[in-house]
Amino acid sequence: MTVSPDRKSEDTAPDPAAGALPRHVALIMDGNGRWATARGLPRTEGHRHGLEALRRTIRHAVKTGIRYLTIYSFSSENWSRPQPEVSFLMGLLRRFVQRDLTEIHNANVRIKVIGDRLTLEPGIRALLVEAEELTRNNTGMTLVVAFNYGSRDEIARSVRQLAEEVAAGRLAPEDIDEDAIASRLDTAGIPDPDLIIRTSGELRLSNFLMWQAAYSEFHFSPVHWPDFDEAAFDLALSDFMGRERRFGGLTAKAL
């Protein structure tokens, strides 16, 4: 994967207002299995081609100037899939790190992994740590990888931490507010997504960034993920840039 480096030392992306590029784009990469089935191929081929789509998307996001790109790479529910498919997906993760991590690092992309790591096998956990550590000081786009991630689990872990702090006397119950919860989520320090894209025509969040998506814009693409390309990405961005975001308020025209 070849990615042009971005050596910006600070976040200079435009504010996510109407007509501006989204600062943070999140992706639900859906449709690998359906893509393969439609071609008479095993589901694993859909995942293999989906990895190529991911490489294209990361490359294009960097080129376009997206500052944060979050990918829903493996949900906490995905463990219920057939074991051969899960094993294949873990193999794809290993190959992605081995093949692409150096390229991503050279492009000045920082990797941040979110999700529950405690239940992961040590080898997978080590790969995720390796990716984060190598790219920790990079200052270009942040690639947020949601792995073994579920939004309800993330919120529950945040609330559990708050409860433990209250029980230990380090926090008063009346001090628990939205900021207190958000600061204990996996995404602490990362701006909420401006735009969430889901491919393959599905119209749901599937336990993805439910807290963070409170004011996100949505774009539902009919394209199966392996066919998601630069044109499909640009269409989603154009759709977003043509909207007027009010965050619960009124525009001047509505007053």
C-alpha atoms as a PDB file:
ATOM      1  CA  MET A   1       0.000   0.000   0.000  1.00  0.00           C
ATOM      2  CA  THR A   2       1.432   3.373  -0.983  1.00  0.00           C
ATOM      3  CA  VAL A   3       0.222   6.339   1.055  1.00  0.00           C
ATOM      4  CA  SER A   4       1.438   9.886   0.578  1.00  0.00           C
ATOM      5  CA  PRO A   5       2.859  11.213   3.844  1.00  0.00           C
ATOM      6  CA  ASP A   6       1.133  14.021   5.690  1.00  0.00           C
ATOM      7  CA  ARG A   7       3.603  15.936   7.850  1.00  0.00           C
ATOM      8  CA  LYS A   8       1.198  18.435   9.425  1.00  0.00           C
ATOM      9  CA  SER A   9       2.194  19.288  12.971  1.00  0.00           C
ATOM     10  CA  GLU A  10      -1.298  20.333  14.062  1.00  0.00           C
ATOM     11  CA  ASP A  11      -4.914  19.662  13.209  1.00  0.00           C
ATOM     12  CA  THR A  12      -5.628  22.078  10.355  1.00  0.00           C
ATOM     13  CA  ALA A  13      -8.725  20.360   8.979  1.00  0.00           C
ATOM     14  CA  PRO A  14     -11.717  22.660   8.479  1.00  0.00           C
ATOM     15  CA  ASP A  15     -14.382  22.836  11.138  1.00  0.00           C
ATOM     16  CA  PRO A  16     -17.127  20.289  10.299  1.00  0.00           C
ATOM     17  CA  ALA A  17     -19.748  22.871   9.335  1.00  0.00           C
ATOM     18  CA  ALA A  18     -21.932  22.821   6.226  1.00  0.00           C
ATOM     19  CA  GLY A  19     -19.783  22.774   3.090  1.00  0.00           C
ATOM     20  CA  ALA A  20     -16.626  21.669   4.905  1.00  0.00           C
ATOM     21  CA  LEU A  21     -14.800  18.366   4.810  1.00  0.00           C
ATOM     22  CA  PRO A  22     -15.596  16.082   7.767  1.00  0.00           C
ATOM     23  CA  ARG A  23     -12.763  15.945  10.255  1.00  0.00           C
ATOM     24  CA  HIS A  24     -13.657  12.441  11.459  1.00  0.00           C
ATOM     25  CA  VAL A  25     -15.138   9.719   9.250  1.00  0.00           C
ATOM     26  CA  ALA A  26     -16.184   6.336  10.697  1.00  0.00           C
ATOM     27  CA  LEU A  27     -16.772   3.263   8.543  1.00  0.00           C
ATOM     28  CA  ILE A  28     -18.939   0.187   9.013  1.00  0.00           C
ATOM     29  CA  MET A  29     -17.433  -2.069   6.355  1.00  0.00           C
ATOM     30  CA  ASP A  30     -20.312  -4.379   5.451  1.00  0.00           C
ATOM     31  CA  GLY A  31     -21.021  -6.791   2.615  1.00  0.00           C
ATOM     32  CA  ASN A  32     -17.919  -8.975   2.225  1.00  0.00           C
ATOM     33  CA  GLY A  33     -19.938 -12.187   2.462  1.00  0.00           C
ATOM     34  CA  ARG A  34     -22.688 -11.017   0.117  1.00  0.00           C
ATOM     35  CA  TRP A  35     -20.096  -9.823  -2.390  1.00  0.00           C
ATOM     36  CA  ALA A  36     -18.511 -13.286  -2.398  1.00  0.00           C
ATOM     37  CA  THR A  37     -21.812 -15.183  -2.521  1.00  0.00           C
ATOM     38  CA  ALA A  38     -22.979 -13.165  -5.518  1.00  0.00           C
ATOM     39  CA  ARG A  39     -19.847 -14.338  -7.358  1.00  0.00           C
ATOM     40  CA  GLY A  40     -20.041 -17.949  -6.268  1.00  0.00           C
ATOM     41  CA  LEU A  41     -16.960 -17.526  -4.091  1.00  0.00           C
ATOM     42  CA  PRO A  42     -16.308 -18.540  -0.481  1.00  0.00           C
ATOM     43  CA  ARG A  43     -16.841 -15.833   2.143  1.00  0.00           C
ATOM     44  CA  THR A  44     -13.109 -15.732   2.782  1.00  0.00           C
ATOM     45  CA  GLU A  45     -12.594 -14.272  -0.700  1.00  0.00           C
ATOM     46  CA  GLY A  46     -14.941 -11.462   0.228  1.00  0.00           C
ATOM     47  CA  HIS A  47     -12.827 -10.706   3.292  1.00  0.00           C
ATOM     48  CA  ARG A  48      -9.638 -10.842   1.214  1.00  0.00           C
ATOM     49  CA  HIS A  49     -11.001  -8.330  -1.292  1.00  0.00           C
ATOM     50  CA  GLY A  50     -12.381  -6.288   1.594  1.00  0.00           C
ATOM     51  CA  LEU A  51      -8.832  -5.842   2.858  1.00  0.00           C
ATOM     52  CA  GLU A  52      -7.880  -4.377  -0.514  1.00  0.00           C
ATOM     53  CA  ALA A  53     -10.808  -1.958  -0.198  1.00  0.00           C
ATOM     54  CA  LEU A  54      -9.505  -0.946   3.220  1.00  0.00           C
ATOM     55  CA  ARG A  55      -6.084  -0.196   1.771  1.00  0.00           C
ATOM     56  CA  ARG A  56      -7.694   1.992  -0.920  1.00  0.00           C
ATOM     57  CA  THR A  57      -9.792   3.793   1.640  1.00  0.00           C
ATOM     58  CA  ILE A  58      -6.918   4.582   3.999  1.00  0.00           C
ATOM     59  CA  ARG A  59      -4.874   5.861   1.073  1.00  0.00           C
ATOM     60  CA  HIS A  60      -7.711   8.076  -0.150  1.00  0.00           C
ATOM     61  CA  ALA A  61      -8.561   9.375   3.316  1.00  0.00           C
ATOM     62  CA  VAL A  62      -4.973  10.543   3.790  1.00  0.00           C
ATOM     63  CA  LYS A  63      -4.920  12.122   0.331  1.00  0.00           C
ATOM     64  CA  THR A  64      -8.250  13.881   0.900  1.00  0.00           C
ATOM     65  CA  GLY A  65      -7.224  15.370   4.243  1.00  0.00           C
ATOM     66  CA  ILE A  66      -9.399  13.402   6.672  1.00  0.00           C
ATOM     67  CA  ARG A  67      -7.897  13.818  10.138  1.00  0.00           C
ATOM     68  CA  TYR A  68      -9.521  10.793  11.832  1.00  0.00           C
ATOM     69  CA  LEU A  69     -10.686   7.590  10.168  1.00  0.00           C
ATOM     70  CA  THR A  70     -12.342   4.948  12.351  1.00  0.00           C
ATOM     71  CA  ILE A  71     -12.859   1.444  10.961  1.00  0.00           C
ATOM     72  CA  TYR A  72     -15.134  -1.206  12.493  1.00  0.00           C
ATOM     73  CA  SER A  73     -12.697  -4.027  11.848  1.00  0.00           C
ATOM     74  CA  PHE A  74     -13.994  -6.739  14.210  1.00  0.00           C
ATOM     75  CA  SER A  75     -16.942  -6.475  16.552  1.00  0.00           C
ATOM     76  CA  SER A  76     -17.355  -8.263  19.870  1.00  0.00           C
ATOM     77  CA  GLU A  77     -20.248 -10.145  18.238  1.00  0.00           C
ATOM     78  CA  ASN A  78     -18.102 -11.428  15.357  1.00  0.00           C
ATOM     79  CA  TRP A  79     -16.674 -14.175  17.573  1.00  0.00           C
ATOM     80  CA  SER A  80     -19.962 -16.043  17.062  1.00  0.00           C
ATOM     81  CA  ARG A  81     -19.138 -16.626  13.386  1.00  0.00           C
ATOM     82  CA  PRO A  82     -17.891 -20.068  12.277  1.00  0.00           C
ATOM     83  CA  GLN A  83     -14.439 -20.749  13.694  1.00  0.00           C
ATOM     84  CA  PRO A  84     -12.732 -21.171  10.283  1.00  0.00           C
ATOM     85  CA  GLU A  85     -13.968 -17.711   9.266  1.00  0.00           C
ATOM     86  CA  VAL A  86     -12.795 -16.157  12.539  1.00  0.00           C
ATOM     87  CA  SER A  87      -9.379 -17.794  12.110  1.00  0.00           C
ATOM     88  CA  PHE A  88      -9.156 -16.444   8.572  1.00  0.00           C
ATOM     89  CA  LEU A  89      -9.978 -12.929   9.796  1.00  0.00           C
ATOM     90  CA  MET A  90      -7.263 -13.172  12.455  1.00  0.00           C
ATOM     91  CA  GLY A  91      -4.856 -14.230   9.723  1.00  0.00           C
ATOM     92  CA  LEU A  92      -5.849 -11.189   7.668  1.00  0.00           C
ATOM     93  CA  LEU A  93      -5.099  -8.980  10.661  1.00  0.00           C
ATOM     94  CA  ARG A  94      -1.634 -10.491  10.965  1.00  0.00           C
ATOM     95  CA  ARG A  95      -0.976 -10.007   7.246  1.00  0.00           C
ATOM     96  CA  PHE A  96      -2.229  -6.431   7.365  1.00  0.00           C
ATOM     97  CA  VAL A  97       0.163  -5.559  10.185  1.00  0.00           C
ATOM     98  CA  GLN A  98       3.077  -7.382   8.570  1.00  0.00           C
ATOM     99  CA  ARG A  99       2.501  -5.957   5.092  1.00  0.00           C
ATOM    100  CA  ASP A 100       1.075  -2.503   5.685  1.00  0.00           C
ATOM    101  CA  LEU A 101       2.236  -1.212   9.066  1.00  0.00           C
ATOM    102  CA  THR A 102       5.546   0.136   7.759  1.00  0.00           C
ATOM    103  CA  GLU A 103       3.794   1.925   4.890  1.00  0.00           C
ATOM    104  CA  ILE A 104       1.235   3.422   7.255  1.00  0.00           C
ATOM    105  CA  HIS A 105       3.981   4.543   9.620  1.00  0.00           C
ATOM    106  CA  ASN A 106       5.981   6.123   6.775  1.00  0.00           C
ATOM    107  CA  ALA A 107       2.833   8.042   5.790  1.00  0.00           C
ATOM    108  CA  ASN A 108       2.828   9.641   9.265  1.00  0.00           C
ATOM    109  CA  VAL A 109      -0.466   7.937  10.200  1.00  0.00           C
ATOM    110  CA  ARG A 110      -1.060   7.287  13.899  1.00  0.00           C
ATOM    111  CA  ILE A 111      -2.912   4.100  14.862  1.00  0.00           C
ATOM    112  CA  LYS A 112      -5.214   3.983  17.875  1.00  0.00           C
ATOM    113  CA  VAL A 113      -6.967   0.721  18.786  1.00  0.00           C
ATOM    114  CA  ILE A 114     -10.285   0.729  20.665  1.00  0.00           C
ATOM    115  CA  GLY A 115     -12.179  -2.229  22.110  1.00  0.00           C
ATOM    116  CA  ASP A 116     -11.744  -4.794  24.865  1.00  0.00           C
ATOM    117  CA  ARG A 117      -8.247  -6.292  24.777  1.00  0.00           C
ATOM    118  CA  LEU A 118      -8.399  -8.326  27.975  1.00  0.00           C
ATOM    119  CA  THR A 119     -10.035 -11.348  26.324  1.00  0.00           C
ATOM    120  CA  LEU A 120      -7.776 -11.395  23.249  1.00  0.00           C
ATOM    121  CA  GLU A 121      -5.146 -14.062  22.830  1.00  0.00           C
ATOM    122  CA  PRO A 122      -1.632 -12.707  23.547  1.00  0.00           C
ATOM    123  CA  GLY A 123      -0.421 -12.876  19.939  1.00  0.00           C
ATOM    124  CA  ILE A 124      -3.255 -10.691  18.629  1.00  0.00           C
ATOM    125  CA  ARG A 125      -2.896  -8.294  21.549  1.00  0.00           C
ATOM    126  CA  ALA A 126       0.823  -7.967  20.808  1.00  0.00           C
ATOM    127  CA  LEU A 127       0.110  -7.083  17.160  1.00  0.00           C
ATOM    128  CA  LEU A 128      -2.242  -4.278  18.192  1.00  0.00           C
ATOM    129  CA  VAL A 129       0.275  -2.919  20.692  1.00  0.00           C
ATOM    130  CA  GLU A 130       3.016  -3.062  18.046  1.00  0.00           C
ATOM    131  CA  ALA A 131       0.930  -0.976  15.642  1.00  0.00           C
ATOM    132  CA  GLU A 132       0.158   1.632  18.284  1.00  0.00           C
ATOM    133  CA  GLU A 133       3.689   1.862  19.628  1.00  0.00           C
ATOM    134  CA  LEU A 134       5.354   2.205  16.223  1.00  0.00           C
ATOM    135  CA  THR A 135       3.044   5.034  15.144  1.00  0.00           C
ATOM    136  CA  ARG A 136       2.506   6.724  18.516  1.00  0.00           C
ATOM    137  CA  ASN A 137       4.374   9.938  17.673  1.00  0.00           C
ATOM    138  CA  ASN A 138       3.033  10.386  14.141  1.00  0.00           C
ATOM    139  CA  THR A 139       1.182  13.633  13.490  1.00  0.00           C
ATOM    140  CA  GLY A 140      -0.849  12.949  10.342  1.00  0.00           C
ATOM    141  CA  MET A 141      -4.193  11.197  10.124  1.00  0.00           C
ATOM    142  CA  THR A 142      -5.267   9.067  13.087  1.00  0.00           C
ATOM    143  CA  LEU A 143      -6.510   5.619  12.077  1.00  0.00           C
ATOM    144  CA  VAL A 144      -8.806   4.339  14.836  1.00  0.00           C
ATOM    145  CA  VAL A 145      -9.175   0.555  14.662  1.00  0.00           C
ATOM    146  CA  ALA A 146     -12.246  -0.788  16.473  1.00  0.00           C
ATOM    147  CA  PHE A 147     -11.238  -4.375  17.253  1.00  0.00           C
ATOM    148  CA  ASN A 148     -13.178  -6.708  19.559  1.00  0.00           C
ATOM    149  CA  TYR A 149     -15.313  -3.605  19.966  1.00  0.00           C
ATOM    150  CA  GLY A 150     -18.919  -3.205  21.020  1.00  0.00           C
ATOM    151  CA  SER A 151     -20.412   0.142  21.978  1.00  0.00           C
ATOM    152  CA  ARG A 152     -22.558  -1.223  24.810  1.00  0.00           C
ATOM    153  CA  ASP A 153     -19.504  -2.960  26.285  1.00  0.00           C
ATOM    154  CA  GLU A 154     -17.491   0.262  25.966  1.00  0.00           C
ATOM    155  CA  ILE A 155     -20.158   2.278  27.789  1.00  0.00           C
ATOM    156  CA  ALA A 156     -20.510  -0.414  30.464  1.00  0.00           C
ATOM    157  CA  ARG A 157     -16.750  -0.379  31.067  1.00  0.00           C
ATOM    158  CA  SER A 158     -16.825   3.414  31.352  1.00  0.00           C
ATOM    159  CA  VAL A 159     -19.689   3.322  33.872  1.00  0.00           C
ATOM    160  CA  ARG A 160     -17.975   0.539  35.832  1.00  0.00           C
ATOM    161  CA  GLN A 161     -14.837   2.663  36.110  1.00  0.00           C
ATOM    162  CA  LEU A 162     -16.886   5.603  37.382  1.00  0.00           C
ATOM    163  CA  ALA A 163     -18.583   3.370  39.955  1.00  0.00           C
ATOM    164  CA  GLU A 164     -15.217   2.120  41.183  1.00  0.00           C
ATOM    165  CA  GLU A 165     -13.952   5.688  41.542  1.00  0.00           C
ATOM    166  CA  VAL A 166     -17.062   6.667  43.513  1.00  0.00           C
ATOM    167  CA  ALA A 167     -16.698   3.608  45.758  1.00  0.00           C
ATOM    168  CA  ALA A 168     -13.050   4.500  46.392  1.00  0.00           C
ATOM    169  CA  GLY A 169     -13.974   8.076  47.313  1.00  0.00           C
ATOM    170  CA  ARG A 170     -12.082   9.597  44.363  1.00  0.00           C
ATOM    171  CA  LEU A 171     -15.234  10.888  42.667  1.00  0.00           C
ATOM    172  CA  ALA A 172     -18.523  12.324  43.925  1.00  0.00           C
ATOM    173  CA  PRO A 173     -21.725  11.021  42.263  1.00  0.00           C
ATOM    174  CA  GLU A 174     -22.817  14.572  41.463  1.00  0.00           C
ATOM    175  CA  ASP A 175     -19.645  15.029  39.407  1.00  0.00           C
ATOM    176  CA  ILE A 176     -20.689  12.350  36.929  1.00  0.00           C
ATOM    177  CA  ASP A 177     -21.794  14.113  33.772  1.00  0.00           C
ATOM    178  CA  GLU A 178     -21.452  13.606  30.019  1.00  0.00           C
ATOM    179  CA  ASP A 179     -17.825  14.716  30.059  1.00  0.00           C
ATOM    180  CA  ALA A 180     -17.008  12.293  32.873  1.00  0.00           C
ATOM    181  CA  ILE A 181     -18.438   9.383  30.891  1.00  0.00           C
ATOM    182  CA  ALA A 182     -16.853  10.455  27.594  1.00  0.00           C
ATOM    183  CA  SER A 183     -13.424  10.817  29.186  1.00  0.00           C
ATOM    184  CA  ARG A 184     -13.525   7.166  30.229  1.00  0.00           C
ATOM    185  CA  LEU A 185     -14.605   5.776  26.873  1.00  0.00           C
ATOM    186  CA  ASP A 186     -12.083   4.098  24.571  1.00  0.00           C
ATOM    187  CA  THR A 187     -12.325   7.161  22.309  1.00  0.00           C
ATOM    188  CA  ALA A 188     -11.318   9.703  24.968  1.00  0.00           C
ATOM    189  CA  GLY A 189      -9.395  12.505  23.279  1.00  0.00           C
ATOM    190  CA  ILE A 190     -10.785  11.694  19.842  1.00  0.00           C
ATOM    191  CA  PRO A 191     -13.492  13.961  18.381  1.00  0.00           C
ATOM    192  CA  ASP A 192     -16.876  12.379  17.724  1.00  0.00           C
ATOM    193  CA  PRO A 193     -17.393  11.227  14.124  1.00  0.00           C
ATOM    194  CA  ASP A 194     -18.854  13.853  11.841  1.00  0.00           C
ATOM    195  CA  LEU A 195     -19.799  11.268   9.235  1.00  0.00           C
ATOM    196  CA  ILE A 196     -20.563   7.553   9.594  1.00  0.00           C
ATOM    197  CA  ILE A 197     -20.581   5.535   6.377  1.00  0.00           C
ATOM    198  CA  ARG A 198     -22.126   2.070   6.189  1.00  0.00           C
ATOM    199  CA  THR A 199     -21.817   0.001   3.041  1.00  0.00           C
ATOM    200  CA  SER A 200     -23.943  -2.764   1.508  1.00  0.00           C
ATOM    201  CA  GLY A 201     -27.266  -0.997   1.988  1.00  0.00           C
ATOM    202  CA  GLU A 202     -27.753  -1.837   5.669  1.00  0.00           C
ATOM    203  CA  LEU A 203     -29.413   0.907   7.756  1.00  0.00           C
ATOM    204  CA  ARG A 204     -28.274   0.375  11.334  1.00  0.00           C
ATOM    205  CA  LEU A 205     -25.376   1.091  13.702  1.00  0.00           C
ATOM    206  CA  SER A 206     -24.787  -2.497  14.850  1.00  0.00           C
ATOM    207  CA  ASN A 207     -23.437  -1.530  18.278  1.00  0.00           C
ATOM    208  CA  PHE A 208     -20.893   0.911  16.816  1.00  0.00           C
ATOM    209  CA  LEU A 209     -19.990   4.238  18.471  1.00  0.00           C
ATOM    210  CA  MET A 210     -23.505   4.723  19.851  1.00  0.00           C
ATOM    211  CA  TRP A 211     -22.475   7.374  22.386  1.00  0.00           C
ATOM    212  CA  GLN A 212     -20.190   9.166  19.939  1.00  0.00           C
ATOM    213  CA  ALA A 213     -22.745   9.160  17.105  1.00  0.00           C
ATOM    214  CA  ALA A 214     -25.208  11.462  18.879  1.00  0.00           C
ATOM    215  CA  TYR A 215     -24.831  14.187  16.223  1.00  0.00           C
ATOM    216  CA  SER A 216     -23.118  12.288  13.422  1.00  0.00           C
ATOM    217  CA  GLU A 217     -24.368  12.468   9.865  1.00  0.00           C
ATOM    218  CA  PHE A 218     -25.018   9.106   8.159  1.00  0.00           C
ATOM    219  CA  HIS A 219     -24.382   7.945   4.626  1.00  0.00           C
ATOM    220  CA  PHE A 220     -25.670   4.505   3.630  1.00  0.00           C
ATOM    221  CA  SER A 221     -23.996   3.213   0.495  1.00  0.00           C
ATOM    222  CA  PRO A 222     -25.543   0.363  -1.522  1.00  0.00           C
ATOM    223  CA  VAL A 223     -22.037  -0.739  -2.538  1.00  0.00           C
ATOM    224  CA  HIS A 224     -20.688  -3.929  -0.945  1.00  0.00           C
ATOM    225  CA  TRP A 225     -17.484  -3.184   0.930  1.00  0.00           C
ATOM    226  CA  PRO A 226     -15.057  -4.949  -1.470  1.00  0.00           C
ATOM    227  CA  ASP A 227     -16.294  -2.644  -4.262  1.00  0.00           C
ATOM    228  CA  PHE A 228     -16.057   0.527  -2.145  1.00  0.00           C
ATOM    229  CA  ASP A 229     -13.622   2.775  -3.989  1.00  0.00           C
ATOM    230  CA  GLU A 230     -12.485   6.384  -4.193  1.00  0.00           C
ATOM    231  CA  ALA A 231     -15.601   7.419  -6.124  1.00  0.00           C
ATOM    232  CA  ALA A 232     -17.904   5.885  -3.485  1.00  0.00           C
ATOM    233  CA  PHE A 233     -15.918   7.610  -0.737  1.00  0.00           C
ATOM    234  CA  ASP A 234     -16.069  10.955  -2.543  1.00  0.00           C
ATOM    235  CA  LEU A 235     -19.823  10.561  -3.003  1.00  0.00           C
ATOM    236  CA  ALA A 236     -20.237  10.111   0.764  1.00  0.00           C
ATOM    237  CA  LEU A 237     -18.064  13.149   1.431  1.00  0.00           C
ATOM    238  CA  SER A 238     -20.017  15.256  -1.053  1.00  0.00           C
ATOM    239  CA  ASP A 239     -23.266  14.129   0.529  1.00  0.00           C
ATOM    240  CA  PHE A 240     -21.986  15.236   3.932  1.00  0.00           C
ATOM    241  CA  MET A 241     -20.672  18.568   2.657  1.00  0.00           C
ATOM    242  CA  GLY A 242     -24.061  19.400   1.177  1.00  0.00           C
ATOM    243  CA  ARG A 243     -25.840  19.090   4.513  1.00  0.00           C
ATOM    244  CA  GLU A 244     -26.488  21.750   7.116  1.00  0.00           C
ATOM    245  CA  ARG A 245     -25.563  20.649  10.628  1.00  0.00           C
ATOM    246  CA  ARG A 246     -27.479  22.338  13.454  1.00  0.00           C
ATOM    247  CA  PHE A 247     -26.589  20.184  16.497  1.00  0.00           C
ATOM    248  CA  GLY A 248     -30.084  20.660  17.902  1.00  0.00           C
ATOM    249  CA  GLY A 249     -30.187  24.412  17.246  1.00  0.00           C
ATOM    250  CA  LEU A 250     -31.730  26.542  14.533  1.00  0.00           C
ATOM    251  CA  THR A 251     -30.129  28.113  11.492  1.00  0.00           C
ATOM    252  CA  ALA A 252     -30.444  31.820  10.748  1.00  0.00           C
ATOM    253  CA  LYS A 253     -32.997  30.985   8.035  1.00  0.00           C
ATOM    254  CA  ALA A 254     -35.201  29.142  10.578  1.00  0.00           C
ATOM    255  CA  LEU A 255     -35.212  31.918  13.176  1.00  0.00           C
END
